C-alpha atoms as a PDB file:
ATOM      1  CA  MET A   1       2.969 -32.044  23.255  1.00  0.00           C
ATOM      2  CA  GLU A   2       2.552 -30.852  19.607  1.00  0.00           C
ATOM      3  CA  ALA A   3       3.423 -33.701  18.066  1.00  0.00           C
ATOM      4  CA  LEU A   4       0.903 -35.650  20.475  1.00  0.00           C
ATOM      5  CA  GLN A   5      -1.765 -32.911  19.448  1.00  0.00           C
ATOM      6  CA  GLU A   6      -1.315 -33.681  15.857  1.00  0.00           C
ATOM      7  CA  LEU A   7      -1.059 -38.257  16.984  1.00  0.00           C
ATOM      8  CA  LEU A   8      -4.888 -37.247  18.512  1.00  0.00           C
ATOM      9  CA  GLY A   9      -6.185 -34.865  16.152  1.00  0.00           C
ATOM     10  CA  ALA A  10      -9.063 -32.915  17.744  1.00  0.00           C
ATOM     11  CA  GLY A  11     -11.949 -32.430  18.432  1.00  0.00           C
ATOM     12  CA  GLU A  12     -14.547 -35.691  17.714  1.00  0.00           C
ATOM     13  CA  GLY A  13     -11.662 -37.588  16.386  1.00  0.00           C
ATOM     14  CA  SER A  14     -10.031 -37.845  19.620  1.00  0.00           C
ATOM     15  CA  LEU A  15     -13.534 -38.882  21.498  1.00  0.00           C
ATOM     16  CA  TRP A  16     -13.824 -41.072  19.162  1.00  0.00           C
ATOM     17  CA  ALA A  17     -10.036 -42.419  19.447  1.00  0.00           C
ATOM     18  CA  MET A  18     -11.248 -42.772  22.992  1.00  0.00           C
ATOM     19  CA  PHE A  19     -14.404 -44.764  22.979  1.00  0.00           C
ATOM     20  CA  VAL A  20     -12.617 -47.235  20.757  1.00  0.00           C
ATOM     21  CA  VAL A  21      -9.900 -47.914  23.541  1.00  0.00           C
ATOM     22  CA  ALA A  22     -12.165 -47.700  26.116  1.00  0.00           C
ATOM     23  CA  PHE A  23     -13.972 -50.716  24.210  1.00  0.00           C
ATOM     24  CA  LEU A  24     -11.232 -52.940  23.819  1.00  0.00           C
ATOM     25  CA  ALA A  25      -9.618 -52.473  27.179  1.00  0.00           C
ATOM     26  CA  ALA A  26     -13.009 -53.594  28.217  1.00  0.00           C
ATOM     27  CA  THR A  27     -12.310 -56.980  26.785  1.00  0.00           C
ATOM     28  CA  VAL A  28      -9.845 -59.635  27.085  1.00  0.00           C
ATOM     29  CA  LEU A  29      -7.114 -57.378  24.886  1.00  0.00           C
ATOM     30  CA  PRO A  30      -4.029 -56.776  27.305  1.00  0.00           C
ATOM     31  CA  ILE A  31      -4.659 -52.551  26.807  1.00  0.00           C
ATOM     32  CA  GLY A  32      -5.064 -49.961  28.783  1.00  0.00           C
ATOM     33  CA  SER A  33      -7.606 -46.984  28.222  1.00  0.00           C
ATOM     34  CA  GLU A  34      -5.964 -45.014  30.895  1.00  0.00           C
ATOM     35  CA  PRO A  35      -2.989 -43.761  28.831  1.00  0.00           C
ATOM     36  CA  LEU A  36      -4.931 -41.858  26.429  1.00  0.00           C
ATOM     37  CA  LEU A  37      -7.411 -40.357  29.178  1.00  0.00           C
ATOM     38  CA  ILE A  38      -4.313 -38.920  30.533  1.00  0.00           C
ATOM     39  CA  ALA A  39      -3.059 -37.663  27.148  1.00  0.00           C
ATOM     40  CA  LEU A  40      -6.544 -36.169  26.299  1.00  0.00           C
ATOM     41  CA  VAL A  41      -7.388 -34.558  29.176  1.00  0.00           C
ATOM     42  CA  ARG A  42      -3.928 -33.225  29.187  1.00  0.00           C
ATOM     43  CA  LEU A  43      -4.463 -31.852  25.880  1.00  0.00           C
ATOM     44  CA  ASP A  44      -8.114 -30.635  26.561  1.00  0.00           C
ATOM     45  CA  PRO A  45      -8.781 -30.036  30.062  1.00  0.00           C
ATOM     46  CA  GLY A  46     -12.082 -28.242  29.192  1.00  0.00           C
ATOM     47  CA  ARG A  47     -13.523 -31.602  27.401  1.00  0.00           C
ATOM     48  CA  LEU A  48     -12.654 -33.418  30.786  1.00  0.00           C
ATOM     49  CA  ALA A  49     -16.646 -34.382  31.177  1.00  0.00           C
ATOM     50  CA  ALA A  50     -16.953 -35.148  27.296  1.00  0.00           C
ATOM     51  CA  ILE A  51     -13.750 -37.472  27.326  1.00  0.00           C
ATOM     52  CA  VAL A  52     -14.246 -39.366  31.103  1.00  0.00           C
ATOM     53  CA  ALA A  53     -18.147 -39.909  29.162  1.00  0.00           C
ATOM     54  CA  VAL A  54     -17.220 -41.186  26.296  1.00  0.00           C
ATOM     55  CA  ALA A  55     -14.493 -43.496  27.919  1.00  0.00           C
ATOM     56  CA  THR A  56     -16.715 -44.874  30.424  1.00  0.00           C
ATOM     57  CA  ILE A  57     -19.830 -45.435  27.694  1.00  0.00           C
ATOM     58  CA  GLY A  58     -16.820 -47.318  25.617  1.00  0.00           C
ATOM     59  CA  ASN A  59     -16.079 -49.384  28.759  1.00  0.00           C
ATOM     60  CA  THR A  60     -19.213 -50.534  30.275  1.00  0.00           C
ATOM     61  CA  LEU A  61     -20.382 -51.725  26.628  1.00  0.00           C
ATOM     62  CA  GLY A  62     -17.079 -53.331  25.964  1.00  0.00           C
ATOM     63  CA  GLY A  63     -17.698 -54.789  29.662  1.00  0.00           C
ATOM     64  CA  MET A  64     -21.081 -55.521  28.934  1.00  0.00           C
ATOM     65  CA  THR A  65     -19.736 -57.675  25.746  1.00  0.00           C
ATOM     66  CA  SER A  66     -17.610 -59.928  28.051  1.00  0.00           C
ATOM     67  CA  TYR A  67     -20.861 -60.561  29.729  1.00  0.00           C
ATOM     68  CA  ALA A  68     -22.932 -61.350  26.821  1.00  0.00           C
ATOM     69  CA  LEU A  69     -19.884 -63.953  25.403  1.00  0.00           C
ATOM     70  CA  GLY A  70     -20.158 -65.916  29.028  1.00  0.00           C
ATOM     71  CA  ARG A  71     -23.790 -65.601  29.227  1.00  0.00           C
ATOM     72  CA  GLY A  72     -23.307 -67.905  25.749  1.00  0.00           C
ATOM     73  CA  ALA A  73     -20.365 -69.820  27.484  1.00  0.00           C
ATOM     74  CA  ALA A  74     -22.454 -72.636  29.430  1.00  0.00           C
ATOM     75  CA  ARG A  75     -20.156 -75.256  28.331  1.00  0.00           C
ATOM     76  CA  MET A  76     -17.580 -73.764  30.606  1.00  0.00           C
ATOM     77  CA  ALA A  77     -19.883 -74.769  33.681  1.00  0.00           C
ATOM     78  CA  PRO A  78     -17.396 -77.076  35.694  1.00  0.00           C
ATOM     79  CA  ALA A  79     -14.391 -75.094  35.057  1.00  0.00           C
ATOM     80  CA  VAL A  80     -15.585 -72.026  36.404  1.00  0.00           C
ATOM     81  CA  GLU A  81     -18.676 -72.591  38.970  1.00  0.00           C
ATOM     82  CA  GLY A  82     -16.054 -73.567  42.016  1.00  0.00           C
ATOM     83  CA  SER A  83     -13.973 -70.836  40.551  1.00  0.00           C
ATOM     84  CA  ARG A  84     -13.300 -67.788  43.900  1.00  0.00           C
ATOM     85  CA  ALA A  85     -14.583 -65.254  41.341  1.00  0.00           C
ATOM     86  CA  ALA A  86     -17.735 -67.301  41.083  1.00  0.00           C
ATOM     87  CA  ARG A  87     -18.108 -67.353  44.576  1.00  0.00           C
ATOM     88  CA  TRP A  88     -17.241 -63.889  44.901  1.00  0.00           C
ATOM     89  CA  LEU A  89     -19.935 -63.026  42.693  1.00  0.00           C
ATOM     90  CA  ARG A  90     -22.609 -65.458  44.119  1.00  0.00           C
ATOM     91  CA  ARG A  91     -21.816 -63.777  47.395  1.00  0.00           C
ATOM     92  CA  PHE A  92     -22.380 -59.981  46.566  1.00  0.00           C
ATOM     93  CA  GLY A  93     -24.639 -60.588  42.966  1.00  0.00           C
ATOM     94  CA  ALA A  94     -24.001 -57.238  40.583  1.00  0.00           C
ATOM     95  CA  PRO A  95     -22.907 -54.828  43.213  1.00  0.00           C
ATOM     96  CA  ALA A  96     -19.349 -56.431  42.737  1.00  0.00           C
ATOM     97  CA  LEU A  97     -19.385 -55.831  39.229  1.00  0.00           C
ATOM     98  CA  LEU A  98     -18.444 -52.162  40.823  1.00  0.00           C
ATOM     99  CA  LEU A  99     -14.910 -53.418  40.227  1.00  0.00           C
ATOM    100  CA  ALA A 100     -15.311 -54.428  37.298  1.00  0.00           C
ATOM    101  CA  TRP A 101     -12.712 -51.600  36.092  1.00  0.00           C
ATOM    102  CA  ALA A 102      -9.940 -53.238  38.086  1.00  0.00           C
ATOM    103  CA  PRO A 103      -6.886 -54.586  35.792  1.00  0.00           C
ATOM    104  CA  VAL A 104      -6.547 -57.980  37.351  1.00  0.00           C
ATOM    105  CA  GLY A 105      -9.825 -60.302  37.435  1.00  0.00           C
ATOM    106  CA  GLY A 106     -12.403 -57.137  36.534  1.00  0.00           C
ATOM    107  CA  ASP A 107     -13.097 -58.537  32.759  1.00  0.00           C
ATOM    108  CA  LEU A 108     -13.253 -61.791  34.879  1.00  0.00           C
ATOM    109  CA  LEU A 109     -16.235 -60.496  36.415  1.00  0.00           C
ATOM    110  CA  CYS A 110     -17.992 -59.502  33.578  1.00  0.00           C
ATOM    111  CA  VAL A 111     -17.798 -62.728  32.196  1.00  0.00           C
ATOM    112  CA  LEU A 112     -19.174 -64.674  35.207  1.00  0.00           C
ATOM    113  CA  ALA A 113     -21.704 -62.014  35.388  1.00  0.00           C
ATOM    114  CA  GLY A 114     -22.737 -62.813  31.765  1.00  0.00           C
ATOM    115  CA  PHE A 115     -22.169 -66.896  32.306  1.00  0.00           C
ATOM    116  CA  MET A 116     -24.262 -66.801  35.640  1.00  0.00           C
ATOM    117  CA  ARG A 117     -27.157 -64.798  34.380  1.00  0.00           C
ATOM    118  CA  LEU A 118     -27.198 -62.112  36.271  1.00  0.00           C
ATOM    119  CA  SER A 119     -29.593 -59.814  35.410  1.00  0.00           C
ATOM    120  CA  TRP A 120     -27.624 -57.653  32.873  1.00  0.00           C
ATOM    121  CA  TRP A 121     -29.154 -53.746  33.446  1.00  0.00           C
ATOM    122  CA  GLN A 122     -28.196 -54.416  36.803  1.00  0.00           C
ATOM    123  CA  SER A 123     -24.779 -55.706  35.682  1.00  0.00           C
ATOM    124  CA  ALA A 124     -24.822 -52.604  33.599  1.00  0.00           C
ATOM    125  CA  LEU A 125     -25.312 -50.201  35.908  1.00  0.00           C
ATOM    126  CA  TRP A 126     -22.876 -51.109  38.405  1.00  0.00           C
ATOM    127  CA  MET A 127     -20.624 -51.346  35.877  1.00  0.00           C
ATOM    128  CA  LEU A 128     -21.204 -48.228  34.646  1.00  0.00           C
ATOM    129  CA  LEU A 129     -20.938 -46.612  38.196  1.00  0.00           C
ATOM    130  CA  GLY A 130     -17.301 -48.045  38.433  1.00  0.00           C
ATOM    131  CA  LYS A 131     -16.016 -47.506  35.658  1.00  0.00           C
ATOM    132  CA  LEU A 132     -17.288 -43.825  35.783  1.00  0.00           C
ATOM    133  CA  ALA A 133     -15.901 -43.334  39.452  1.00  0.00           C
ATOM    134  CA  ARG A 134     -12.623 -44.694  37.856  1.00  0.00           C
ATOM    135  CA  TYR A 135     -12.487 -43.039  35.026  1.00  0.00           C
ATOM    136  CA  TRP A 136     -13.499 -39.489  36.761  1.00  0.00           C
ATOM    137  CA  VAL A 137     -11.137 -39.803  39.912  1.00  0.00           C
ATOM    138  CA  LEU A 138      -7.925 -40.128  36.888  1.00  0.00           C
ATOM    139  CA  ALA A 139      -8.803 -37.599  35.443  1.00  0.00           C
ATOM    140  CA  GLN A 140      -9.972 -34.699  38.123  1.00  0.00           C
ATOM    141  CA  GLY A 141      -6.554 -35.741  39.347  1.00  0.00           C
ATOM    142  CA  VAL A 142      -4.604 -35.009  35.833  1.00  0.00           C
ATOM    143  CA  ALA A 143      -6.073 -32.023  35.933  1.00  0.00           C
ATOM    144  CA  LEU A 144      -5.204 -30.681  39.024  1.00  0.00           C
ATOM    145  CA  LEU A 145      -1.230 -31.703  37.699  1.00  0.00           C
END
């Protein structure tokens, strides 16, 4: 455990690492932010709320970056218009972004939301709520162990 503490550092450095990893995990990069969140909560359970807040903000901003990329990808129209994810987003709208945290398809939902020009603030709000719920449940579970 001491080696992990040395690697991650303490204080603000570990929160910045959490932000960066959570941001990148919400893009199309194949990384997950959960292992770092678990490690940070185990190392410092007293900072659970701060860790969850930073992870949520970073992950939401990463999702909104994917949203922005989708918004600028008008040339992809024929390829995505008929997709199941696009039909699903048309049916449920921005609240479907509660599932933007999902490992399979969550990033695509963010890109499609931008592509389909869903309201940016509603998209951000629903993404934030879903990502916050996921991180909070995970962190609470780790804190109980």
